Amino acid sequence: MNINPDMAYWIVDLCVPNGKGFYRKKHTLKFEYEKGYEPSEYVHAMWSQYTIPLGDGKYVHDRSSRHYLFTNYIEVDDKIMYDKLNLERLSPSCLHYKT
Protein backbone atom coordinates (compact mmCIF):
# COMPACT_ATOMS: atom_id res chain seq x y z
CA MET A 1 0.00 0.00 0.00
CA ASN A 2 1.51 3.30 -1.10
CA ILE A 3 0.18 6.30 0.77
CA ASN A 4 1.37 9.69 -0.45
CA PRO A 5 1.12 12.63 1.95
CA ASP A 6 -1.18 15.51 1.09
CA MET A 7 1.21 18.26 0.06
CA ALA A 8 0.88 22.04 -0.02
CA TYR A 9 2.78 24.11 -2.60
CA TRP A 10 3.84 27.72 -1.99
CA ILE A 11 6.04 30.54 -3.17
CA VAL A 12 7.51 33.22 -0.91
CA ASP A 13 9.56 36.37 -1.38
CA LEU A 14 12.97 36.47 0.29
CA CYS A 15 13.83 40.09 1.07
CA VAL A 16 17.01 41.73 2.29
CA PRO A 17 17.67 45.17 3.83
CA ASN A 18 17.92 48.05 1.35
CA GLY A 19 20.11 50.17 3.62
CA LYS A 20 17.34 52.64 4.42
CA GLY A 21 15.53 50.72 7.14
CA PHE A 22 13.33 48.82 4.69
CA TYR A 23 13.55 45.49 2.89
CA ARG A 24 13.68 44.85 -0.85
CA LYS A 25 12.78 41.67 -2.68
CA LYS A 26 15.86 39.62 -3.54
CA HIS A 27 14.38 36.30 -4.73
CA THR A 28 11.11 34.44 -5.03
CA LEU A 29 11.47 30.86 -3.84
CA LYS A 30 9.22 27.82 -3.98
CA PHE A 31 8.66 25.18 -1.34
CA GLU A 32 6.41 22.24 -0.60
CA TYR A 33 5.49 20.59 2.66
CA GLU A 34 2.98 18.20 4.13
CA LYS A 35 -0.33 19.97 4.80
CA GLY A 36 -1.25 20.69 8.38
CA TYR A 37 0.90 23.73 9.12
CA GLU A 38 0.93 27.36 8.12
CA PRO A 39 3.55 28.07 5.43
CA SER A 40 5.30 30.57 7.71
CA GLU A 41 5.61 27.85 10.38
CA TYR A 42 7.34 25.60 7.86
CA VAL A 43 9.78 28.36 6.88
CA HIS A 44 10.38 29.17 10.56
CA ALA A 45 11.10 25.52 11.41
CA MET A 46 13.69 25.36 8.63
CA TRP A 47 15.35 28.75 9.07
CA SER A 48 15.45 28.82 12.86
CA GLN A 49 17.96 25.94 12.67
CA TYR A 50 20.45 28.13 10.78
CA THR A 51 19.58 31.69 11.81
CA ILE A 52 18.30 33.67 14.75
CA PRO A 53 14.57 34.43 14.46
CA LEU A 54 13.73 38.08 15.12
CA GLY A 55 9.95 37.75 14.78
CA ASP A 56 7.52 38.82 12.05
CA GLY A 57 9.27 36.68 9.43
CA LYS A 58 12.67 38.29 10.01
CA TYR A 59 15.89 36.36 10.59
CA VAL A 60 19.57 37.16 11.04
CA HIS A 61 22.45 34.82 10.26
CA ASP A 62 24.71 34.82 13.30
CA ARG A 63 27.97 34.30 11.40
CA SER A 64 27.47 36.79 8.58
CA SER A 65 25.04 39.21 10.29
CA ARG A 66 22.92 39.14 7.11
CA HIS A 67 19.26 39.91 7.65
CA TYR A 68 16.39 38.22 5.80
CA LEU A 69 12.64 38.72 5.66
CA PHE A 70 10.12 36.22 4.28
CA THR A 71 6.90 37.77 3.03
CA ASN A 72 4.15 37.49 0.40
CA TYR A 73 3.30 33.82 0.80
CA ILE A 74 1.24 32.65 -2.19
CA GLU A 75 -0.26 29.18 -2.53
CA VAL A 76 0.32 27.34 -5.81
CA ASP A 77 -2.69 25.40 -7.07
CA ASP A 78 -1.12 22.00 -7.66
CA LYS A 79 2.08 20.01 -8.15
CA ILE A 80 2.02 20.35 -11.94
CA MET A 81 2.01 24.14 -11.72
CA TYR A 82 4.58 24.02 -8.91
CA ASP A 83 6.94 21.87 -10.98
CA LYS A 84 6.66 24.28 -13.92
CA LEU A 85 7.78 27.26 -11.82
CA ASN A 86 11.28 28.30 -12.79
CA LEU A 87 12.22 29.19 -9.22
CA GLU A 88 14.85 27.98 -6.80
CA ARG A 89 13.64 25.80 -3.97
CA LEU A 90 13.72 27.25 -0.47
CA SER A 91 16.69 25.75 1.39
CA PRO A 92 19.43 26.72 3.84
CA SER A 93 21.69 27.40 0.83
CA CYS A 94 19.74 30.67 0.47
CA LEU A 95 21.89 31.95 3.35
CA HIS A 96 24.66 32.52 0.84
CA TYR A 97 22.74 35.17 -1.09
CA LYS A 98 24.54 38.47 -0.96
CA THR A 99 22.48 41.22 0.63
PDB file of N, CA and C in Angstrom:
ATOM      1  N   MET A   1       0.846  -1.179   0.000  1.00  0.00           N
ATOM      2  CA  MET A   1       0.000   0.000   0.000  1.00  0.00           C
ATOM      3  C   MET A   1       0.890   1.241   0.000  1.00  0.00           C
ATOM      4  N   ASN A   2       0.726   2.089  -0.976  1.00  0.00           N
ATOM      5  CA  ASN A   2       1.514   3.304  -1.104  1.00  0.00           C
ATOM      6  C   ASN A   2       0.635   4.504  -0.762  1.00  0.00           C
ATOM      7  N   ILE A   3       0.958   5.133   0.343  1.00  0.00           N
ATOM      8  CA  ILE A   3       0.180   6.305   0.766  1.00  0.00           C
ATOM      9  C   ILE A   3       1.055   7.535   0.610  1.00  0.00           C
ATOM     10  N   ASN A   4       0.640   8.441  -0.251  1.00  0.00           N
ATOM     11  CA  ASN A   4       1.369   9.693  -0.449  1.00  0.00           C
ATOM     12  C   ASN A   4       0.785  10.764   0.450  1.00  0.00           C
ATOM     13  N   PRO A   5       1.637  11.552   1.096  1.00  0.00           N
ATOM     14  CA  PRO A   5       1.118  12.625   1.950  1.00  0.00           C
ATOM     15  C   PRO A   5       0.435  13.704   1.113  1.00  0.00           C
ATOM     16  N   ASP A   6      -0.491  14.394   1.734  1.00  0.00           N
ATOM     17  CA  ASP A   6      -1.182  15.507   1.091  1.00  0.00           C
ATOM     18  C   ASP A   6      -0.281  16.730   1.208  1.00  0.00           C
ATOM     19  N   MET A   7       0.213  17.198   0.064  1.00  0.00           N
ATOM     20  CA  MET A   7       1.209  18.264   0.062  1.00  0.00           C
ATOM     21  C   MET A   7       0.587  19.631  -0.241  1.00  0.00           C
ATOM     22  N   ALA A   8       1.236  20.652   0.275  1.00  0.00           N
ATOM     23  CA  ALA A   8       0.878  22.040  -0.022  1.00  0.00           C
ATOM     24  C   ALA A   8       2.060  22.650  -0.764  1.00  0.00           C
ATOM     25  N   TYR A   9       1.760  23.506  -1.740  1.00  0.00           N
ATOM     26  CA  TYR A   9       2.785  24.106  -2.595  1.00  0.00           C
ATOM     27  C   TYR A   9       2.687  25.623  -2.488  1.00  0.00           C
ATOM     28  N   TRP A  10       3.833  26.289  -2.247  1.00  0.00           N
ATOM     29  CA  TRP A  10       3.837  27.720  -1.992  1.00  0.00           C
ATOM     30  C   TRP A  10       5.028  28.388  -2.657  1.00  0.00           C
ATOM     31  N   ILE A  11       4.910  29.692  -2.841  1.00  0.00           N
ATOM     32  CA  ILE A  11       6.043  30.541  -3.170  1.00  0.00           C
ATOM     33  C   ILE A  11       6.107  31.640  -2.108  1.00  0.00           C
ATOM     34  N   VAL A  12       7.310  32.171  -1.916  1.00  0.00           N
ATOM     35  CA  VAL A  12       7.511  33.217  -0.912  1.00  0.00           C
ATOM     36  C   VAL A  12       8.628  34.131  -1.397  1.00  0.00           C
ATOM     37  N   ASP A  13       8.517  35.405  -1.053  1.00  0.00           N
ATOM     38  CA  ASP A  13       9.564  36.366  -1.380  1.00  0.00           C
ATOM     39  C   ASP A  13      10.589  36.408  -0.257  1.00  0.00           C
ATOM     40  N   LEU A  14      11.857  36.298  -0.638  1.00  0.00           N
ATOM     41  CA  LEU A  14      12.967  36.473   0.289  1.00  0.00           C
ATOM     42  C   LEU A  14      13.483  37.893   0.089  1.00  0.00           C
ATOM     43  N   CYS A  15      13.426  38.682   1.145  1.00  0.00           N
ATOM     44  CA  CYS A  15      13.828  40.089   1.070  1.00  0.00           C
ATOM     45  C   CYS A  15      15.058  40.329   1.936  1.00  0.00           C
ATOM     46  N   VAL A  16      15.802  41.344   1.559  1.00  0.00           N
ATOM     47  CA  VAL A  16      17.012  41.734   2.294  1.00  0.00           C
ATOM     48  C   VAL A  16      16.949  43.239   2.550  1.00  0.00           C
ATOM     49  N   PRO A  17      17.695  43.737   3.544  1.00  0.00           N
ATOM     50  CA  PRO A  17      17.669  45.172   3.833  1.00  0.00           C
ATOM     51  C   PRO A  17      18.148  45.997   2.640  1.00  0.00           C
ATOM     52  N   ASN A  18      17.512  47.167   2.458  1.00  0.00           N
ATOM     53  CA  ASN A  18      17.917  48.052   1.353  1.00  0.00           C
ATOM     54  C   ASN A  18      18.845  49.169   1.823  1.00  0.00           C
ATOM     55  N   GLY A  19      19.205  49.153   3.096  1.00  0.00           N
ATOM     56  CA  GLY A  19      20.115  50.170   3.623  1.00  0.00           C
ATOM     57  C   GLY A  19      19.419  51.412   4.139  1.00  0.00           C
ATOM     58  N   LYS A  20      18.099  51.469   3.991  1.00  0.00           N
ATOM     59  CA  LYS A  20      17.339  52.644   4.420  1.00  0.00           C
ATOM     60  C   LYS A  20      16.288  52.280   5.465  1.00  0.00           C
ATOM     61  N   GLY A  21      16.482  51.144   6.125  1.00  0.00           N
ATOM     62  CA  GLY A  21      15.532  50.717   7.142  1.00  0.00           C
ATOM     63  C   GLY A  21      14.372  49.906   6.598  1.00  0.00           C
ATOM     64  N   PHE A  22      14.385  49.624   5.322  1.00  0.00           N
ATOM     65  CA  PHE A  22      13.329  48.823   4.692  1.00  0.00           C
ATOM     66  C   PHE A  22      13.950  47.587   4.058  1.00  0.00           C
ATOM     67  N   TYR A  23      13.096  46.709   3.571  1.00  0.00           N
ATOM     68  CA  TYR A  23      13.549  45.493   2.893  1.00  0.00           C
ATOM     69  C   TYR A  23      13.154  45.556   1.423  1.00  0.00           C
ATOM     70  N   ARG A  24      13.988  44.958   0.574  1.00  0.00           N
ATOM     71  CA  ARG A  24      13.675  44.854  -0.846  1.00  0.00           C
ATOM     72  C   ARG A  24      13.682  43.377  -1.236  1.00  0.00           C
ATOM     73  N   LYS A  25      12.867  43.048  -2.211  1.00  0.00           N
ATOM     74  CA  LYS A  25      12.776  41.667  -2.675  1.00  0.00           C
ATOM     75  C   LYS A  25      14.075  41.273  -3.364  1.00  0.00           C
ATOM     76  N   LYS A  26      14.624  40.137  -2.951  1.00  0.00           N
ATOM     77  CA  LYS A  26      15.862  39.620  -3.541  1.00  0.00           C
ATOM     78  C   LYS A  26      15.566  38.419  -4.454  1.00  0.00           C
ATOM     79  N   HIS A  27      14.724  37.504  -3.977  1.00  0.00           N
ATOM     80  CA  HIS A  27      14.383  36.297  -4.729  1.00  0.00           C
ATOM     81  C   HIS A  27      12.968  35.872  -4.385  1.00  0.00           C
ATOM     82  N   THR A  28      12.344  35.170  -5.318  1.00  0.00           N
ATOM     83  CA  THR A  28      11.112  34.441  -5.025  1.00  0.00           C
ATOM     84  C   THR A  28      11.488  32.971  -5.045  1.00  0.00           C
ATOM     85  N   LEU A  29      11.100  32.262  -4.010  1.00  0.00           N
ATOM     86  CA  LEU A  29      11.466  30.865  -3.835  1.00  0.00           C
ATOM     87  C   LEU A  29      10.212  29.998  -3.762  1.00  0.00           C
ATOM     88  N   LYS A  30      10.345  28.734  -4.101  1.00  0.00           N
ATOM     89  CA  LYS A  30       9.218  27.822  -3.983  1.00  0.00           C
ATOM     90  C   LYS A  30       9.535  26.772  -2.922  1.00  0.00           C
ATOM     91  N   PHE A  31       8.479  26.254  -2.300  1.00  0.00           N
ATOM     92  CA  PHE A  31       8.655  25.179  -1.339  1.00  0.00           C
ATOM     93  C   PHE A  31       7.372  24.369  -1.232  1.00  0.00           C
ATOM     94  N   GLU A  32       7.536  23.135  -0.808  1.00  0.00           N
ATOM     95  CA  GLU A  32       6.407  22.242  -0.599  1.00  0.00           C
ATOM     96  C   GLU A  32       6.565  21.580   0.760  1.00  0.00           C
ATOM     97  N   TYR A  33       5.457  21.253   1.368  1.00  0.00           N
ATOM     98  CA  TYR A  33       5.495  20.586   2.662  1.00  0.00           C
ATOM     99  C   TYR A  33       4.184  19.863   2.872  1.00  0.00           C
ATOM    100  N   GLU A  34       4.178  18.958   3.833  1.00  0.00           N
ATOM    101  CA  GLU A  34       2.977  18.203   4.129  1.00  0.00           C
ATOM    102  C   GLU A  34       1.955  19.123   4.789  1.00  0.00           C
ATOM    103  N   LYS A  35       0.720  19.091   4.270  1.00  0.00           N
ATOM    104  CA  LYS A  35      -0.327  19.967   4.804  1.00  0.00           C
ATOM    105  C   LYS A  35      -0.520  19.736   6.296  1.00  0.00           C
ATOM    106  N   GLY A  36      -0.985  20.774   6.957  1.00  0.00           N
ATOM    107  CA  GLY A  36      -1.251  20.695   8.385  1.00  0.00           C
ATOM    108  C   GLY A  36      -0.606  21.828   9.160  1.00  0.00           C
ATOM    109  N   TYR A  37       0.212  22.608   8.494  1.00  0.00           N
ATOM    110  CA  TYR A  37       0.900  23.733   9.119  1.00  0.00           C
ATOM    111  C   TYR A  37       0.672  24.976   8.273  1.00  0.00           C
ATOM    112  N   GLU A  38       0.905  26.107   8.872  1.00  0.00           N
ATOM    113  CA  GLU A  38       0.932  27.359   8.124  1.00  0.00           C
ATOM    114  C   GLU A  38       2.255  27.416   7.365  1.00  0.00           C
ATOM    115  N   PRO A  39       2.288  28.010   6.179  1.00  0.00           N
ATOM    116  CA  PRO A  39       3.551  28.069   5.433  1.00  0.00           C
ATOM    117  C   PRO A  39       4.655  28.807   6.197  1.00  0.00           C
ATOM    118  N   SER A  40       4.289  29.840   6.937  1.00  0.00           N
ATOM    119  CA  SER A  40       5.304  30.574   7.707  1.00  0.00           C
ATOM    120  C   SER A  40       5.887  29.706   8.817  1.00  0.00           C
ATOM    121  N   GLU A  41       5.104  28.771   9.357  1.00  0.00           N
ATOM    122  CA  GLU A  41       5.610  27.848  10.376  1.00  0.00           C
ATOM    123  C   GLU A  41       6.642  26.902   9.771  1.00  0.00           C
ATOM    124  N   TYR A  42       6.397  26.468   8.544  1.00  0.00           N
ATOM    125  CA  TYR A  42       7.344  25.597   7.857  1.00  0.00           C
ATOM    126  C   TYR A  42       8.668  26.338   7.628  1.00  0.00           C
ATOM    127  N   VAL A  43       8.581  27.559   7.119  1.00  0.00           N
ATOM    128  CA  VAL A  43       9.780  28.364   6.879  1.00  0.00           C
ATOM    129  C   VAL A  43      10.510  28.601   8.202  1.00  0.00           C
ATOM    130  N   HIS A  44       9.767  28.922   9.251  1.00  0.00           N
ATOM    131  CA  HIS A  44      10.375  29.173  10.557  1.00  0.00           C
ATOM    132  C   HIS A  44      11.098  27.926  11.072  1.00  0.00           C
ATOM    133  N   ALA A  45      10.474  26.760  10.932  1.00  0.00           N
ATOM    134  CA  ALA A  45      11.096  25.522  11.405  1.00  0.00           C
ATOM    135  C   ALA A  45      12.417  25.265  10.685  1.00  0.00           C
ATOM    136  N   MET A  46      12.462  25.568   9.391  1.00  0.00           N
ATOM    137  CA  MET A  46      13.694  25.357   8.632  1.00  0.00           C
ATOM    138  C   MET A  46      14.747  26.403   8.986  1.00  0.00           C
ATOM    139  N   TRP A  47      14.371  27.672   8.933  1.00  0.00           N
ATOM    140  CA  TRP A  47      15.351  28.749   9.072  1.00  0.00           C
ATOM    141  C   TRP A  47      15.819  28.971  10.504  1.00  0.00           C
ATOM    142  N   SER A  48      15.020  28.612  11.481  1.00  0.00           N
ATOM    143  CA  SER A  48      15.451  28.822  12.864  1.00  0.00           C
ATOM    144  C   SER A  48      16.573  27.859  13.251  1.00  0.00           C
ATOM    145  N   GLN A  49      16.830  26.840  12.429  1.00  0.00           N
ATOM    146  CA  GLN A  49      17.960  25.941  12.671  1.00  0.00           C
ATOM    147  C   GLN A  49      19.285  26.595  12.271  1.00  0.00           C
ATOM    148  N   TYR A  50      19.237  27.549  11.350  1.00  0.00           N
ATOM    149  CA  TYR A  50      20.447  28.128  10.777  1.00  0.00           C
ATOM    150  C   TYR A  50      20.603  29.627  11.056  1.00  0.00           C
ATOM    151  N   THR A  51      19.556  30.252  11.558  1.00  0.00           N
ATOM    152  CA  THR A  51      19.584  31.691  11.805  1.00  0.00           C
ATOM    153  C   THR A  51      18.928  31.982  13.154  1.00  0.00           C
ATOM    154  N   ILE A  52      18.962  33.230  13.527  1.00  0.00           N
ATOM    155  CA  ILE A  52      18.300  33.669  14.754  1.00  0.00           C
ATOM    156  C   ILE A  52      16.993  34.343  14.357  1.00  0.00           C
ATOM    157  N   PRO A  53      15.848  33.792  14.780  1.00  0.00           N
ATOM    158  CA  PRO A  53      14.569  34.425  14.457  1.00  0.00           C
ATOM    159  C   PRO A  53      14.405  35.735  15.220  1.00  0.00           C
ATOM    160  N   LEU A  54      13.956  36.773  14.508  1.00  0.00           N
ATOM    161  CA  LEU A  54      13.728  38.083  15.117  1.00  0.00           C
ATOM    162  C   LEU A  54      12.247  38.403  15.257  1.00  0.00           C
ATOM    163  N   GLY A  55      11.388  37.519  14.738  1.00  0.00           N
ATOM    164  CA  GLY A  55       9.945  37.746  14.779  1.00  0.00           C
ATOM    165  C   GLY A  55       9.444  38.388  13.503  1.00  0.00           C
ATOM    166  N   ASP A  56       8.173  38.233  13.232  1.00  0.00           N
ATOM    167  CA  ASP A  56       7.516  38.819  12.051  1.00  0.00           C
ATOM    168  C   ASP A  56       8.175  38.419  10.737  1.00  0.00           C
ATOM    169  N   GLY A  57       8.677  37.179  10.661  1.00  0.00           N
ATOM    170  CA  GLY A  57       9.268  36.677   9.427  1.00  0.00           C
ATOM    171  C   GLY A  57      10.691  37.126   9.176  1.00  0.00           C
ATOM    172  N   LYS A  58      11.305  37.784  10.170  1.00  0.00           N
ATOM    173  CA  LYS A  58      12.669  38.294  10.013  1.00  0.00           C
ATOM    174  C   LYS A  58      13.664  37.360  10.714  1.00  0.00           C
ATOM    175  N   TYR A  59      14.831  37.221  10.069  1.00  0.00           N
ATOM    176  CA  TYR A  59      15.889  36.356  10.588  1.00  0.00           C
ATOM    177  C   TYR A  59      17.233  37.036  10.371  1.00  0.00           C
ATOM    178  N   VAL A  60      18.203  36.689  11.227  1.00  0.00           N
ATOM    179  CA  VAL A  60      19.575  37.159  11.039  1.00  0.00           C
ATOM    180  C   VAL A  60      20.498  35.948  11.147  1.00  0.00           C
ATOM    181  N   HIS A  61      21.452  35.884  10.244  1.00  0.00           N
ATOM    182  CA  HIS A  61      22.447  34.820  10.260  1.00  0.00           C
ATOM    183  C   HIS A  61      23.545  35.230  11.228  1.00  0.00           C
ATOM    184  N   ASP A  62      23.792  34.414  12.241  1.00  0.00           N
ATOM    185  CA  ASP A  62      24.707  34.817  13.305  1.00  0.00           C
ATOM    186  C   ASP A  62      26.156  34.947  12.849  1.00  0.00           C
ATOM    187  N   ARG A  63      26.577  34.222  11.840  1.00  0.00           N
ATOM    188  CA  ARG A  63      27.974  34.296  11.403  1.00  0.00           C
ATOM    189  C   ARG A  63      28.220  35.460  10.442  1.00  0.00           C
ATOM    190  N   SER A  64      27.264  35.741   9.584  1.00  0.00           N
ATOM    191  CA  SER A  64      27.474  36.792   8.580  1.00  0.00           C
ATOM    192  C   SER A  64      26.773  38.100   8.934  1.00  0.00           C
ATOM    193  N   SER A  65      25.879  38.071   9.896  1.00  0.00           N
ATOM    194  CA  SER A  65      25.037  39.214  10.291  1.00  0.00           C
ATOM    195  C   SER A  65      24.107  39.663   9.167  1.00  0.00           C
ATOM    196  N   ARG A  66      23.872  38.817   8.178  1.00  0.00           N
ATOM    197  CA  ARG A  66      22.924  39.145   7.111  1.00  0.00           C
ATOM    198  C   ARG A  66      21.499  38.982   7.630  1.00  0.00           C
ATOM    199  N   HIS A  67      20.657  39.928   7.249  1.00  0.00           N
ATOM    200  CA  HIS A  67      19.258  39.906   7.647  1.00  0.00           C
ATOM    201  C   HIS A  67      18.392  39.454   6.475  1.00  0.00           C
ATOM    202  N   TYR A  68      17.316  38.731   6.805  1.00  0.00           N
ATOM    203  CA  TYR A  68      16.391  38.219   5.804  1.00  0.00           C
ATOM    204  C   TYR A  68      14.956  38.412   6.302  1.00  0.00           C
ATOM    205  N   LEU A  69      14.060  38.621   5.370  1.00  0.00           N
ATOM    206  CA  LEU A  69      12.636  38.722   5.657  1.00  0.00           C
ATOM    207  C   LEU A  69      11.888  37.856   4.653  1.00  0.00           C
ATOM    208  N   PHE A  70      10.986  37.020   5.146  1.00  0.00           N
ATOM    209  CA  PHE A  70      10.121  36.222   4.282  1.00  0.00           C
ATOM    210  C   PHE A  70       8.726  36.831   4.307  1.00  0.00           C
ATOM    211  N   THR A  71       8.201  37.107   3.125  1.00  0.00           N
ATOM    212  CA  THR A  71       6.900  37.768   3.029  1.00  0.00           C
ATOM    213  C   THR A  71       6.207  37.372   1.729  1.00  0.00           C
ATOM    214  N   ASN A  72       4.955  37.745   1.598  1.00  0.00           N
ATOM    215  CA  ASN A  72       4.153  37.486   0.396  1.00  0.00           C
ATOM    216  C   ASN A  72       4.040  35.998   0.076  1.00  0.00           C
ATOM    217  N   TYR A  73       3.534  35.246   1.013  1.00  0.00           N
ATOM    218  CA  TYR A  73       3.297  33.825   0.799  1.00  0.00           C
ATOM    219  C   TYR A  73       2.116  33.658  -0.153  1.00  0.00           C
ATOM    220  N   ILE A  74       2.310  32.891  -1.216  1.00  0.00           N
ATOM    221  CA  ILE A  74       1.241  32.649  -2.195  1.00  0.00           C
ATOM    222  C   ILE A  74       1.145  31.146  -2.438  1.00  0.00           C
ATOM    223  N   GLU A  75      -0.051  30.615  -2.303  1.00  0.00           N
ATOM    224  CA  GLU A  75      -0.259  29.184  -2.529  1.00  0.00           C
ATOM    225  C   GLU A  75      -0.316  28.893  -4.020  1.00  0.00           C
ATOM    226  N   VAL A  76       0.349  27.810  -4.428  1.00  0.00           N
ATOM    227  CA  VAL A  76       0.325  27.344  -5.810  1.00  0.00           C
ATOM    228  C   VAL A  76      -0.738  26.261  -5.892  1.00  0.00           C
ATOM    229  N   ASP A  77      -1.528  26.281  -6.963  1.00  0.00           N
ATOM    230  CA  ASP A  77      -2.691  25.404  -7.069  1.00  0.00           C
ATOM    231  C   ASP A  77      -2.392  23.920  -6.962  1.00  0.00           C
ATOM    232  N   ASP A  78      -1.368  23.437  -7.658  1.00  0.00           N
ATOM    233  CA  ASP A  78      -1.122  21.996  -7.662  1.00  0.00           C
ATOM    234  C   ASP A  78       0.335  21.699  -8.008  1.00  0.00           C
ATOM    235  N   LYS A  79       0.696  20.432  -7.919  1.00  0.00           N
ATOM    236  CA  LYS A  79       2.078  20.007  -8.151  1.00  0.00           C
ATOM    237  C   LYS A  79       2.528  20.273  -9.582  1.00  0.00           C
ATOM    238  N   ILE A  80       1.647  20.109 -10.543  1.00  0.00           N
ATOM    239  CA  ILE A  80       2.018  20.348 -11.945  1.00  0.00           C
ATOM    240  C   ILE A  80       2.450  21.798 -12.131  1.00  0.00           C
ATOM    241  N   MET A  81       1.666  22.724 -11.613  1.00  0.00           N
ATOM    242  CA  MET A  81       2.007  24.142 -11.719  1.00  0.00           C
ATOM    243  C   MET A  81       3.286  24.441 -10.924  1.00  0.00           C
ATOM    244  N   TYR A  82       3.404  23.842  -9.753  1.00  0.00           N
ATOM    245  CA  TYR A  82       4.585  24.023  -8.907  1.00  0.00           C
ATOM    246  C   TYR A  82       5.843  23.573  -9.645  1.00  0.00           C
ATOM    247  N   ASP A  83       5.777  22.408 -10.267  1.00  0.00           N
ATOM    248  CA  ASP A  83       6.940  21.869 -10.980  1.00  0.00           C
ATOM    249  C   ASP A  83       7.331  22.734 -12.179  1.00  0.00           C
ATOM    250  N   LYS A  84       6.375  23.430 -12.759  1.00  0.00           N
ATOM    251  CA  LYS A  84       6.658  24.285 -13.916  1.00  0.00           C
ATOM    252  C   LYS A  84       7.285  25.625 -13.533  1.00  0.00           C
ATOM    253  N   LEU A  85       7.209  25.980 -12.266  1.00  0.00           N
ATOM    254  CA  LEU A  85       7.779  27.256 -11.816  1.00  0.00           C
ATOM    255  C   LEU A  85       9.295  27.223 -11.956  1.00  0.00           C
ATOM    256  N   ASN A  86       9.832  28.208 -12.610  1.00  0.00           N
ATOM    257  CA  ASN A  86      11.276  28.300 -12.790  1.00  0.00           C
ATOM    258  C   ASN A  86      11.874  29.105 -11.632  1.00  0.00           C
ATOM    259  N   LEU A  87      11.745  28.539 -10.437  1.00  0.00           N
ATOM    260  CA  LEU A  87      12.221  29.193  -9.217  1.00  0.00           C
ATOM    261  C   LEU A  87      13.100  28.229  -8.439  1.00  0.00           C
ATOM    262  N   GLU A  88      14.021  28.796  -7.678  1.00  0.00           N
ATOM    263  CA  GLU A  88      14.850  27.980  -6.798  1.00  0.00           C
ATOM    264  C   GLU A  88      14.018  27.515  -5.616  1.00  0.00           C
ATOM    265  N   ARG A  89      14.331  26.318  -5.144  1.00  0.00           N
ATOM    266  CA  ARG A  89      13.644  25.796  -3.967  1.00  0.00           C
ATOM    267  C   ARG A  89      14.204  26.446  -2.708  1.00  0.00           C
ATOM    268  N   LEU A  90      13.330  26.711  -1.763  1.00  0.00           N
ATOM    269  CA  LEU A  90      13.724  27.248  -0.467  1.00  0.00           C
ATOM    270  C   LEU A  90      14.607  26.215   0.234  1.00  0.00           C
ATOM    271  N   SER A  91      15.779  26.636   0.678  1.00  0.00           N
ATOM    272  CA  SER A  91      16.690  25.748   1.387  1.00  0.00           C
ATOM    273  C   SER A  91      17.680  26.601   2.179  1.00  0.00           C
ATOM    274  N   PRO A  92      18.422  25.961   3.089  1.00  0.00           N
ATOM    275  CA  PRO A  92      19.434  26.722   3.843  1.00  0.00           C
ATOM    276  C   PRO A  92      20.520  27.321   2.942  1.00  0.00           C
ATOM    277  N   SER A  93      20.680  26.827   1.732  1.00  0.00           N
ATOM    278  CA  SER A  93      21.688  27.404   0.827  1.00  0.00           C
ATOM    279  C   SER A  93      21.356  28.857   0.485  1.00  0.00           C
ATOM    280  N   CYS A  94      20.133  29.274   0.711  1.00  0.00           N
ATOM    281  CA  CYS A  94      19.739  30.666   0.467  1.00  0.00           C
ATOM    282  C   CYS A  94      20.491  31.621   1.397  1.00  0.00           C
ATOM    283  N   LEU A  95      21.110  31.107   2.433  1.00  0.00           N
ATOM    284  CA  LEU A  95      21.888  31.948   3.348  1.00  0.00           C
ATOM    285  C   LEU A  95      23.090  32.569   2.659  1.00  0.00           C
ATOM    286  N   HIS A  96      23.482  32.020   1.536  1.00  0.00           N
ATOM    287  CA  HIS A  96      24.658  32.515   0.840  1.00  0.00           C
ATOM    288  C   HIS A  96      24.348  33.662  -0.117  1.00  0.00           C
ATOM    289  N   TYR A  97      23.086  34.042  -0.224  1.00  0.00           N
ATOM    290  CA  TYR A  97      22.738  35.174  -1.088  1.00  0.00           C
ATOM    291  C   TYR A  97      23.358  36.434  -0.523  1.00  0.00           C
ATOM    292  N   LYS A  98      23.976  37.181  -1.385  1.00  0.00           N
ATOM    293  CA  LYS A  98      24.536  38.468  -0.958  1.00  0.00           C
ATOM    294  C   LYS A  98      23.384  39.440  -0.716  1.00  0.00           C
ATOM    295  N   THR A  99      23.523  40.234   0.334  1.00  0.00           N
ATOM    296  CA  THR A  99      22.475  41.221   0.630  1.00  0.00           C
ATOM    297  C   THR A  99      22.765  42.523  -0.061  1.00  0.00           C
TER     298      THR A  99
END
